[in-house]
């Protein structure tokens, strides 16, 4: 994806994480006219779960990204607040290394 599309996607994630409500759908679109033919990227995401466990306060979202109106990628991702509760960290295989 072009950097502009990634920035829009990351902004949608940040906005969703800052909204305390689950179930709100966020949509973004980016049309790359610097290529021929033009490329269009779209994404949709929704926070589906907020939880508190041994990792802290976590939020899980579903996201789907399309390129040129065709299915491209769909995934579920979780991020948890760090100990200072100042930023979300992706809860992946290196999560515990990042919070210390």
N, C-alpha and C. Protein backbone atom coordinates (compact mmCIF):
# COMPACT_ATOMS: atom_id res chain seq x y z
N UNK A 1 0.84 -1.18 0.00
CA UNK A 1 0.00 0.00 0.00
C UNK A 1 0.88 1.24 0.00
N UNK A 2 0.43 2.29 -0.65
CA UNK A 2 1.18 3.54 -0.60
C UNK A 2 1.16 4.13 0.82
N UNK A 3 2.14 4.96 1.11
CA UNK A 3 2.25 5.54 2.45
C UNK A 3 0.99 6.31 2.85
N UNK A 4 0.37 7.00 1.89
CA UNK A 4 -0.84 7.76 2.20
C UNK A 4 -1.98 6.85 2.64
N UNK A 5 -2.10 5.68 2.03
CA UNK A 5 -3.13 4.72 2.41
C UNK A 5 -2.84 4.14 3.79
N UNK A 6 -1.59 3.86 4.07
CA UNK A 6 -1.20 3.35 5.38
C UNK A 6 -1.52 4.38 6.45
N UNK A 7 -1.25 5.65 6.17
CA UNK A 7 -1.53 6.72 7.13
C UNK A 7 -3.03 6.80 7.41
N UNK A 8 -3.86 6.68 6.39
CA UNK A 8 -5.32 6.71 6.59
C UNK A 8 -5.77 5.50 7.41
N UNK A 9 -5.20 4.35 7.14
CA UNK A 9 -5.54 3.14 7.88
C UNK A 9 -5.15 3.29 9.35
N UNK A 10 -3.94 3.77 9.60
CA UNK A 10 -3.48 3.96 10.98
C UNK A 10 -4.32 5.00 11.72
N UNK A 11 -4.74 6.04 11.03
CA UNK A 11 -5.61 7.05 11.64
C UNK A 11 -6.95 6.43 12.03
N UNK A 12 -7.49 5.57 11.18
CA UNK A 12 -8.76 4.89 11.50
C UNK A 12 -8.59 4.00 12.73
N UNK A 13 -7.48 3.30 12.83
CA UNK A 13 -7.22 2.45 14.00
C UNK A 13 -7.12 3.31 15.25
N UNK A 14 -6.35 4.39 15.18
CA UNK A 14 -6.19 5.27 16.34
C UNK A 14 -7.54 5.85 16.78
N UNK A 15 -8.34 6.30 15.83
CA UNK A 15 -9.66 6.87 16.15
C UNK A 15 -10.55 5.82 16.81
N UNK A 16 -10.53 4.60 16.29
CA UNK A 16 -11.35 3.53 16.85
C UNK A 16 -10.89 3.19 18.28
N UNK A 17 -9.58 3.14 18.50
CA UNK A 17 -9.07 2.81 19.84
C UNK A 17 -9.43 3.89 20.86
N UNK A 18 -9.51 5.13 20.43
CA UNK A 18 -9.81 6.23 21.35
C UNK A 18 -11.31 6.34 21.65
N UNK A 19 -12.15 5.73 20.83
CA UNK A 19 -13.60 5.74 21.07
C UNK A 19 -13.92 4.60 22.03
N UNK A 20 -14.50 4.90 23.21
CA UNK A 20 -14.76 3.84 24.18
C UNK A 20 -15.86 2.85 23.76
N UNK A 21 -16.62 3.17 22.72
CA UNK A 21 -17.70 2.28 22.29
C UNK A 21 -17.17 1.19 21.37
N UNK A 22 -17.69 -0.01 21.55
CA UNK A 22 -17.43 -1.11 20.62
C UNK A 22 -18.48 -1.08 19.52
N UNK A 23 -18.17 -1.64 18.38
CA UNK A 23 -19.16 -1.82 17.32
C UNK A 23 -19.29 -0.68 16.33
N UNK A 24 -18.54 0.41 16.51
CA UNK A 24 -18.59 1.52 15.57
C UNK A 24 -17.71 1.16 14.36
N UNK A 25 -18.23 1.35 13.16
CA UNK A 25 -17.51 1.01 11.95
C UNK A 25 -16.78 2.23 11.41
N UNK A 26 -15.51 2.05 11.07
CA UNK A 26 -14.68 3.11 10.50
C UNK A 26 -14.27 2.70 9.09
N UNK A 27 -14.36 3.65 8.15
CA UNK A 27 -14.06 3.39 6.75
C UNK A 27 -13.07 4.44 6.25
N UNK A 28 -12.11 4.01 5.43
CA UNK A 28 -11.20 4.95 4.79
C UNK A 28 -11.01 4.54 3.33
N UNK A 29 -10.61 5.51 2.51
CA UNK A 29 -10.39 5.25 1.08
C UNK A 29 -9.21 6.10 0.61
N UNK A 30 -8.40 5.51 -0.26
CA UNK A 30 -7.29 6.24 -0.87
C UNK A 30 -7.19 5.83 -2.33
N UNK A 31 -7.17 6.83 -3.21
CA UNK A 31 -7.00 6.56 -4.63
C UNK A 31 -5.62 7.03 -5.04
N UNK A 32 -4.80 6.11 -5.54
CA UNK A 32 -3.45 6.41 -5.98
C UNK A 32 -3.48 6.68 -7.47
N UNK A 33 -3.37 7.96 -7.83
CA UNK A 33 -3.44 8.34 -9.25
C UNK A 33 -2.05 8.48 -9.87
N UNK A 34 -1.02 8.13 -9.11
CA UNK A 34 0.35 8.23 -9.62
C UNK A 34 0.75 6.98 -10.39
N UNK A 35 -0.14 6.04 -10.49
CA UNK A 35 0.13 4.80 -11.23
C UNK A 35 -0.84 4.69 -12.40
N UNK A 36 -0.51 3.85 -13.33
CA UNK A 36 -1.45 3.56 -14.40
C UNK A 36 -1.63 2.06 -14.48
N UNK A 37 -2.81 1.52 -14.37
CA UNK A 37 -4.04 2.26 -14.06
C UNK A 37 -4.05 2.73 -12.61
N UNK A 38 -4.97 3.64 -12.31
CA UNK A 38 -5.11 4.11 -10.93
C UNK A 38 -5.33 2.93 -9.99
N UNK A 39 -4.87 3.07 -8.78
CA UNK A 39 -5.09 2.04 -7.76
C UNK A 39 -5.96 2.65 -6.67
N UNK A 40 -6.95 1.89 -6.23
CA UNK A 40 -7.82 2.36 -5.16
C UNK A 40 -7.72 1.39 -3.99
N UNK A 41 -7.47 1.94 -2.81
CA UNK A 41 -7.38 1.16 -1.59
C UNK A 41 -8.51 1.60 -0.66
N UNK A 42 -9.15 0.64 -0.03
CA UNK A 42 -10.23 0.92 0.92
C UNK A 42 -10.06 0.00 2.12
N UNK A 43 -10.50 0.50 3.25
CA UNK A 43 -10.43 -0.32 4.45
C UNK A 43 -11.61 -0.05 5.36
N UNK A 44 -11.96 -1.05 6.11
CA UNK A 44 -13.03 -0.94 7.09
C UNK A 44 -12.56 -1.65 8.35
N UNK A 45 -12.86 -1.05 9.51
CA UNK A 45 -12.50 -1.72 10.75
C UNK A 45 -13.52 -1.40 11.83
N UNK A 46 -13.59 -2.32 12.79
CA UNK A 46 -14.55 -2.21 13.88
C UNK A 46 -13.97 -2.84 15.13
N UNK A 47 -14.03 -2.10 16.25
CA UNK A 47 -13.64 -2.67 17.55
C UNK A 47 -14.74 -3.64 17.96
N UNK A 48 -14.37 -4.88 18.21
CA UNK A 48 -15.37 -5.90 18.54
C UNK A 48 -15.31 -6.36 19.99
N UNK A 49 -14.21 -6.03 20.70
CA UNK A 49 -14.08 -6.50 22.08
C UNK A 49 -13.16 -5.58 22.85
N UNK A 50 -13.58 -5.21 24.05
CA UNK A 50 -12.73 -4.53 25.02
C UNK A 50 -12.65 -5.44 26.24
N UNK A 51 -11.44 -5.65 26.75
CA UNK A 51 -11.29 -6.59 27.87
C UNK A 51 -10.15 -6.14 28.78
N UNK A 52 -10.16 -6.66 29.98
CA UNK A 52 -9.07 -6.44 30.92
C UNK A 52 -8.63 -7.82 31.43
N UNK A 53 -7.36 -8.11 31.26
CA UNK A 53 -6.82 -9.39 31.70
C UNK A 53 -5.40 -9.18 32.19
N UNK A 54 -4.58 -10.22 32.23
CA UNK A 54 -3.21 -10.09 32.74
C UNK A 54 -2.35 -9.18 31.87
N UNK A 55 -2.78 -8.89 30.66
CA UNK A 55 -2.05 -7.98 29.79
C UNK A 55 -2.43 -6.52 30.06
N UNK A 56 -3.52 -6.30 30.78
CA UNK A 56 -4.03 -4.94 31.03
C UNK A 56 -5.32 -4.73 30.26
N UNK A 57 -5.62 -3.48 29.93
CA UNK A 57 -6.82 -3.14 29.18
C UNK A 57 -6.52 -3.30 27.69
N UNK A 58 -7.30 -4.16 27.02
CA UNK A 58 -7.03 -4.49 25.62
C UNK A 58 -8.27 -4.26 24.77
N UNK A 59 -8.04 -3.98 23.48
CA UNK A 59 -9.14 -3.83 22.53
C UNK A 59 -8.80 -4.66 21.29
N UNK A 60 -9.81 -5.33 20.77
CA UNK A 60 -9.65 -6.19 19.60
C UNK A 60 -10.52 -5.66 18.48
N UNK A 61 -9.96 -5.63 17.26
CA UNK A 61 -10.71 -5.14 16.13
C UNK A 61 -10.57 -6.07 14.93
N UNK A 62 -11.61 -6.03 14.10
CA UNK A 62 -11.60 -6.71 12.81
C UNK A 62 -11.33 -5.67 11.75
N UNK A 63 -10.50 -6.02 10.78
CA UNK A 63 -10.22 -5.09 9.69
C UNK A 63 -10.16 -5.84 8.37
N UNK A 64 -10.61 -5.16 7.34
CA UNK A 64 -10.54 -5.69 5.98
C UNK A 64 -10.03 -4.58 5.08
N UNK A 65 -9.09 -4.91 4.21
CA UNK A 65 -8.51 -3.95 3.27
C UNK A 65 -8.69 -4.50 1.85
N UNK A 66 -9.21 -3.65 0.97
CA UNK A 66 -9.38 -4.00 -0.43
C UNK A 66 -8.46 -3.18 -1.30
N UNK A 67 -8.05 -3.77 -2.40
CA UNK A 67 -7.33 -3.02 -3.43
C UNK A 67 -8.10 -3.20 -4.73
N UNK A 68 -8.44 -2.08 -5.34
CA UNK A 68 -9.16 -2.08 -6.61
C UNK A 68 -10.46 -2.86 -6.55
N UNK A 69 -11.20 -2.67 -5.45
CA UNK A 69 -12.53 -3.28 -5.24
C UNK A 69 -12.49 -4.81 -5.13
N UNK A 70 -11.31 -5.38 -4.95
CA UNK A 70 -11.19 -6.82 -4.79
C UNK A 70 -10.73 -7.12 -3.37
N UNK A 71 -11.17 -8.24 -2.83
CA UNK A 71 -10.76 -8.64 -1.48
C UNK A 71 -9.25 -8.76 -1.43
N UNK A 72 -8.67 -8.20 -0.43
CA UNK A 72 -7.22 -8.27 -0.31
C UNK A 72 -6.78 -8.94 0.99
N UNK A 73 -7.25 -8.41 2.13
CA UNK A 73 -6.77 -8.95 3.40
C UNK A 73 -7.82 -8.70 4.48
N UNK A 74 -8.02 -9.69 5.32
CA UNK A 74 -8.92 -9.55 6.46
C UNK A 74 -8.22 -10.14 7.67
N UNK A 75 -8.28 -9.44 8.81
CA UNK A 75 -7.60 -9.94 9.99
C UNK A 75 -8.25 -9.42 11.26
N UNK A 76 -7.89 -10.06 12.37
CA UNK A 76 -8.32 -9.61 13.69
C UNK A 76 -7.05 -9.29 14.47
N UNK A 77 -7.04 -8.12 15.13
CA UNK A 77 -5.85 -7.64 15.83
C UNK A 77 -6.23 -7.16 17.21
N UNK A 78 -5.32 -7.34 18.17
CA UNK A 78 -5.53 -6.88 19.54
C UNK A 78 -4.37 -5.98 19.93
N UNK A 79 -4.70 -4.89 20.64
CA UNK A 79 -3.69 -4.00 21.21
C UNK A 79 -4.07 -3.73 22.65
N UNK A 80 -3.05 -3.58 23.51
CA UNK A 80 -3.27 -3.34 24.93
C UNK A 80 -2.54 -2.07 25.35
N UNK A 81 -3.10 -1.38 26.34
CA UNK A 81 -2.46 -0.19 26.87
C UNK A 81 -1.19 -0.57 27.62
N UNK A 82 -0.16 0.26 27.50
CA UNK A 82 1.06 0.02 28.26
C UNK A 82 0.81 0.35 29.73
N UNK A 83 1.80 0.09 30.58
CA UNK A 83 1.65 0.28 32.02
C UNK A 83 1.31 1.73 32.39
N UNK A 84 1.84 2.69 31.66
CA UNK A 84 1.57 4.10 31.94
C UNK A 84 0.23 4.55 31.35
N UNK A 85 -0.42 3.67 30.59
CA UNK A 85 -1.68 3.93 29.91
C UNK A 85 -1.58 5.15 29.00
N UNK A 86 -0.46 5.24 28.28
CA UNK A 86 -0.24 6.35 27.36
C UNK A 86 -0.29 5.93 25.90
N UNK A 87 -0.14 4.64 25.62
CA UNK A 87 -0.18 4.18 24.23
C UNK A 87 -0.60 2.72 24.17
N UNK A 88 -1.20 2.36 23.02
CA UNK A 88 -1.55 0.97 22.77
C UNK A 88 -0.39 0.27 22.11
N UNK A 89 -0.17 -0.99 22.50
CA UNK A 89 0.89 -1.83 21.93
C UNK A 89 0.21 -3.07 21.37
N UNK A 90 0.58 -3.45 20.15
CA UNK A 90 0.01 -4.65 19.55
C UNK A 90 0.32 -5.85 20.42
N UNK A 91 -0.68 -6.66 20.68
CA UNK A 91 -0.52 -7.85 21.52
C UNK A 91 -0.13 -9.02 20.63
N UNK A 92 1.14 -9.04 20.24
CA UNK A 92 1.66 -10.11 19.39
C UNK A 92 2.72 -10.89 20.16
N UNK A 93 3.56 -11.63 19.45
CA UNK A 93 4.53 -12.49 20.11
C UNK A 93 5.62 -11.72 20.85
N UNK A 94 5.82 -10.43 20.56
CA UNK A 94 6.82 -9.66 21.28
C UNK A 94 6.18 -8.63 22.22
N UNK A 95 4.91 -8.81 22.54
CA UNK A 95 4.17 -7.86 23.38
C UNK A 95 4.87 -7.62 24.71
N UNK A 96 5.23 -8.67 25.43
CA UNK A 96 5.81 -8.50 26.76
C UNK A 96 7.17 -7.84 26.72
N UNK A 97 7.92 -8.00 25.63
CA UNK A 97 9.19 -7.29 25.48
C UNK A 97 8.96 -5.79 25.32
N UNK A 98 7.86 -5.40 24.72
CA UNK A 98 7.58 -4.00 24.45
C UNK A 98 7.06 -3.25 25.67
N UNK A 99 6.42 -3.92 26.60
CA UNK A 99 5.84 -3.20 27.74
C UNK A 99 6.82 -3.05 28.90
N UNK A 100 7.94 -3.72 28.87
CA UNK A 100 8.94 -3.59 29.95
C UNK A 100 9.93 -2.51 29.63
